[in-house]
Amino acid sequence: MKHPIVIAIDGTSASGKSTNAKLVAKALGFVHVDTGAMYRTLAWHCLQQQVNTEDPKAVAAVCRRWKTSLANVDGLVHLLVDGKDPGLELRTSEVSAATSHIAVVPKVRDWMKQKQRECIQFGSLVMEGRDIGTNVFPETDYKFYLDAHIEERTRRRAAEGVNENLAARDQRDSQRAAAPLMIALGAKVINNSTMTSAETSGLILAEVCRRRDASERAGQRGVVR
């Protein structure tokens, strides 16, 4: 492909976004962007700086002054803070709790949108999150929305050793003022409650190929001979 493309994978918590984004990126040789990790990085930094993550103004002020950079490490984009990758520190329960507070701040989402769009510098992307197809890259032709029955998603979280009220999380994500979780216009919706990751990623790959071929045929018809 001549120009980088973005495959946007949005969806509810525990719907398989991360697993399938990794599989799709690997299959296509694209760069994987986990936008949730970027929000976790901000939450981690706020905790390191002893910033009250429940104070929207304080968190927004951090976004204006922290020094960050993007790095492509083995096909995965990392958000570095002062040149440091927090790594596994992003997965602590404290960071998870703080992330739920900072992610709803409009100024934070504005900052993240700009930074996430900068990831195109690394080439074609598979970007997972909750507002990629609606807010970050609404212009992409490759939009997907993953979901599963709440009982199945709860089971998946429990298998990871996480006890989370997914119904409450869904409500917060869909009702927040800034870039709420919703199905993007033109997105292919996949309910993978009874599907394996291989089956889900296979559907995504097949749809990407179908849309890419259709786009190429449309482009050829538009050529003046």
Protein backbone atom coordinates (compact mmCIF):
# COMPACT_ATOMS: atom_id res chain seq x y z
CA MET A 1 0.00 0.00 0.00
CA LYS A 2 1.30 3.40 -0.98
CA HIS A 3 -0.03 5.31 2.01
CA PRO A 4 -0.23 4.23 5.66
CA ILE A 5 -3.65 3.06 6.78
CA VAL A 6 -5.19 2.77 10.22
CA ILE A 7 -7.23 -0.21 11.36
CA ALA A 8 -9.36 1.04 14.26
CA ILE A 9 -10.46 -1.59 16.78
CA ASP A 10 -12.84 -0.18 19.37
CA GLY A 11 -15.07 -1.95 21.85
CA THR A 12 -16.12 -2.68 25.37
CA SER A 13 -13.86 -3.86 28.20
CA ALA A 14 -12.74 -7.50 27.89
CA SER A 15 -14.06 -7.76 24.34
CA GLY A 16 -10.67 -8.92 23.07
CA LYS A 17 -9.40 -5.67 21.62
CA SER A 18 -5.77 -6.11 22.72
CA THR A 19 -5.42 -9.77 21.78
CA ASN A 20 -6.96 -9.30 18.36
CA ALA A 21 -5.13 -6.05 17.64
CA LYS A 22 -1.85 -7.87 18.27
CA LEU A 23 -2.85 -10.78 16.01
CA VAL A 24 -3.99 -8.50 13.19
CA ALA A 25 -0.89 -6.30 13.43
CA LYS A 26 1.38 -9.34 13.32
CA ALA A 27 -0.43 -10.87 10.36
CA LEU A 28 -0.22 -7.66 8.31
CA GLY A 29 3.16 -6.43 9.53
CA PHE A 30 1.55 -3.26 10.88
CA VAL A 31 2.49 -1.35 14.03
CA HIS A 32 0.30 -1.98 17.08
CA VAL A 33 -0.90 0.96 19.20
CA ASP A 34 -2.51 0.23 22.58
CA THR A 35 -4.13 3.55 23.43
CA GLY A 36 -5.21 2.24 26.83
CA ALA A 37 -1.55 1.94 27.76
CA MET A 38 -1.09 5.60 26.88
CA TYR A 39 -3.80 6.61 29.35
CA ARG A 40 -2.22 4.30 31.91
CA THR A 41 1.11 6.06 31.35
CA LEU A 42 -0.43 9.40 32.26
CA ALA A 43 -2.07 7.88 35.34
CA TRP A 44 1.26 6.33 36.37
CA HIS A 45 3.03 9.67 35.94
CA CYS A 46 0.39 11.47 38.01
CA LEU A 47 0.87 8.96 40.81
CA GLN A 48 4.64 9.37 40.58
CA GLN A 49 4.23 13.14 40.87
CA GLN A 50 1.65 12.80 43.67
CA VAL A 51 -0.99 14.54 41.58
CA ASN A 52 -4.59 13.99 42.66
CA THR A 53 -6.03 11.95 39.79
CA GLU A 54 -9.56 12.89 40.85
CA ASP A 55 -8.82 16.59 40.23
CA PRO A 56 -9.45 17.25 36.50
CA LYS A 57 -7.65 20.62 36.53
CA ALA A 58 -4.55 19.14 38.15
CA VAL A 59 -4.46 16.27 35.67
CA ALA A 60 -4.98 18.62 32.70
CA ALA A 61 -2.06 20.73 33.98
CA VAL A 62 0.17 17.65 33.90
CA CYS A 63 -0.66 17.16 30.21
CA ARG A 64 0.54 20.68 29.48
CA ARG A 65 3.95 20.21 31.06
CA TRP A 66 5.08 16.57 31.02
CA LYS A 67 7.83 15.62 28.57
CA THR A 68 6.89 12.68 26.40
CA SER A 69 7.98 10.97 23.22
CA LEU A 70 6.78 8.08 21.09
CA ALA A 71 8.89 5.03 20.31
CA ASN A 72 8.25 2.03 18.09
CA VAL A 73 9.73 -0.97 19.89
CA ASP A 74 9.42 -4.25 18.00
CA GLY A 75 6.20 -3.17 16.35
CA LEU A 76 4.53 -1.78 19.46
CA VAL A 77 4.28 1.95 20.15
CA HIS A 78 5.36 3.08 23.62
CA LEU A 79 4.69 6.45 25.21
CA LEU A 80 7.87 7.41 27.02
CA VAL A 81 8.02 9.88 29.90
CA ASP A 82 11.36 11.69 30.16
CA GLY A 83 12.71 8.89 27.97
CA LYS A 84 11.46 6.15 30.33
CA ASP A 85 9.08 3.30 29.57
CA PRO A 86 7.11 2.44 32.75
CA GLY A 87 6.71 -1.15 31.54
CA LEU A 88 4.89 -3.49 33.91
CA GLU A 89 4.34 -0.64 36.37
CA LEU A 90 1.39 0.33 34.17
CA ARG A 91 -0.48 -2.84 35.14
CA THR A 92 -0.76 -2.30 38.91
CA SER A 93 -4.17 -1.99 40.57
CA GLU A 94 -3.29 1.56 41.66
CA VAL A 95 -2.63 2.65 38.10
CA SER A 96 -5.79 0.93 36.89
CA ALA A 97 -7.90 2.79 39.44
CA ALA A 98 -6.26 6.12 38.61
CA THR A 99 -6.73 5.57 34.88
CA SER A 100 -10.50 5.39 35.25
CA HIS A 101 -10.42 8.93 36.69
CA ILE A 102 -8.03 10.62 34.29
CA ALA A 103 -9.52 9.07 31.14
CA VAL A 104 -12.75 11.05 31.44
CA VAL A 105 -11.04 14.46 31.55
CA PRO A 106 -11.76 16.30 28.25
CA LYS A 107 -8.35 18.01 28.15
CA VAL A 108 -6.68 14.63 28.59
CA ARG A 109 -8.62 13.13 25.71
CA ASP A 110 -7.73 16.11 23.51
CA TRP A 111 -4.04 15.65 24.32
CA MET A 112 -4.22 11.90 23.71
CA LYS A 113 -5.97 12.36 20.38
CA GLN A 114 -3.16 14.56 19.11
CA LYS A 115 -0.46 12.20 20.38
CA GLN A 116 -2.22 9.12 19.00
CA ARG A 117 -2.54 10.70 15.56
CA GLU A 118 1.22 11.26 15.61
CA CYS A 119 1.68 7.48 15.64
CA ILE A 120 1.10 7.45 11.88
CA GLN A 121 4.77 8.42 11.60
CA PHE A 122 5.56 4.73 12.15
CA GLY A 123 3.53 3.57 9.13
CA SER A 124 0.31 1.57 8.90
CA LEU A 125 -1.29 0.99 12.28
CA VAL A 126 -3.64 -1.31 14.14
CA MET A 127 -4.93 0.98 16.88
CA GLU A 128 -7.14 -0.27 19.70
CA GLY A 129 -9.19 1.77 22.12
CA ARG A 130 -12.64 3.16 22.73
CA ASP A 131 -12.80 6.18 20.44
CA ILE A 132 -10.42 5.43 17.57
CA GLY A 133 -13.02 5.16 14.82
CA THR A 134 -15.18 7.95 16.18
CA ASN A 135 -12.64 10.50 17.39
CA VAL A 136 -8.97 9.75 16.73
CA PHE A 137 -9.07 8.47 13.13
CA PRO A 138 -12.70 8.92 12.01
CA GLU A 139 -11.53 9.16 8.40
CA THR A 140 -10.24 5.58 8.21
CA ASP A 141 -12.16 3.06 6.12
CA TYR A 142 -11.12 0.20 8.41
CA LYS A 143 -13.27 0.39 11.53
CA PHE A 144 -14.24 -2.46 13.85
CA TYR A 145 -16.24 -2.66 17.05
CA LEU A 146 -15.77 -5.70 19.29
CA ASP A 147 -18.23 -6.77 21.94
CA ALA A 148 -19.31 -9.86 23.88
CA HIS A 149 -22.04 -10.74 26.35
CA ILE A 150 -21.30 -9.24 29.75
CA GLU A 151 -21.23 -12.71 31.35
CA GLU A 152 -18.48 -13.77 28.96
CA ARG A 153 -16.53 -10.56 29.43
CA THR A 154 -16.77 -10.94 33.20
CA ARG A 155 -15.49 -14.50 32.90
CA ARG A 156 -12.52 -13.30 30.85
CA ARG A 157 -11.63 -10.66 33.42
CA ALA A 158 -11.90 -13.21 36.24
CA ALA A 159 -9.56 -15.54 34.34
CA GLU A 160 -7.03 -12.68 34.38
CA GLY A 161 -7.47 -12.37 38.14
CA VAL A 162 -9.35 -9.07 37.82
CA ASN A 163 -12.62 -8.36 39.60
CA GLU A 164 -14.26 -5.45 37.78
CA ASN A 165 -17.82 -4.19 37.53
CA LEU A 166 -18.04 -4.18 33.75
CA ALA A 167 -21.62 -2.90 33.65
CA ALA A 168 -20.56 0.22 35.55
CA ARG A 169 -17.50 0.59 33.32
CA ASP A 170 -19.63 0.33 30.19
CA GLN A 171 -21.94 3.02 31.53
CA ARG A 172 -19.05 5.38 32.34
CA ASP A 173 -17.46 4.85 28.93
CA SER A 174 -20.68 5.41 26.98
CA GLN A 175 -21.94 8.39 29.00
CA ARG A 176 -18.78 10.45 29.43
CA ALA A 177 -18.92 13.91 27.89
CA ALA A 178 -15.64 13.63 25.97
CA ALA A 179 -15.44 11.07 23.13
CA PRO A 180 -17.87 8.52 24.56
CA LEU A 181 -17.71 4.86 23.57
CA MET A 182 -20.00 4.26 20.60
CA ILE A 183 -20.05 2.33 17.36
CA ALA A 184 -18.34 4.36 14.64
CA LEU A 185 -20.17 5.07 11.40
CA GLY A 186 -19.29 2.30 8.96
CA ALA A 187 -17.73 0.02 11.57
CA LYS A 188 -18.10 -3.74 11.32
CA VAL A 189 -19.53 -5.01 14.62
CA ILE A 190 -18.26 -8.36 15.86
CA ASN A 191 -19.79 -10.08 18.87
CA ASN A 192 -17.16 -12.69 19.78
CA SER A 193 -18.90 -14.23 22.80
CA THR A 194 -18.54 -17.73 21.36
CA MET A 195 -15.52 -17.12 19.16
CA THR A 196 -11.83 -17.80 19.62
CA SER A 197 -9.24 -15.06 19.13
CA ALA A 198 -8.14 -16.76 15.92
CA GLU A 199 -11.71 -16.67 14.60
CA THR A 200 -12.19 -13.03 15.59
CA SER A 201 -8.91 -11.83 14.10
CA GLY A 202 -9.64 -13.91 11.00
CA LEU A 203 -12.90 -12.03 10.49
CA ILE A 204 -11.12 -8.71 10.89
CA LEU A 205 -8.39 -9.68 8.41
CA ALA A 206 -10.93 -10.89 5.86
CA GLU A 207 -12.90 -7.65 6.13
CA VAL A 208 -9.73 -5.56 5.83
CA CYS A 209 -8.82 -7.41 2.64
CA ARG A 210 -12.35 -6.98 1.27
CA ARG A 211 -12.40 -3.25 1.96
CA ARG A 212 -8.87 -2.75 0.65
CA ASP A 213 -9.70 -4.56 -2.59
CA ALA A 214 -12.88 -2.53 -2.99
CA SER A 215 -10.93 0.68 -2.44
CA GLU A 216 -8.32 -0.32 -5.00
CA ARG A 217 -10.98 -1.20 -7.58
CA ALA A 218 -12.69 2.15 -6.97
CA GLY A 219 -9.37 3.89 -7.42
CA GLN A 220 -8.74 2.10 -10.71
CA ARG A 221 -12.16 3.10 -12.03
CA GLY A 222 -11.28 6.70 -11.23
CA VAL A 223 -8.13 6.67 -13.37
CA VAL A 224 -8.44 8.69 -16.59
CA ARG A 225 -7.09 6.71 -19.53
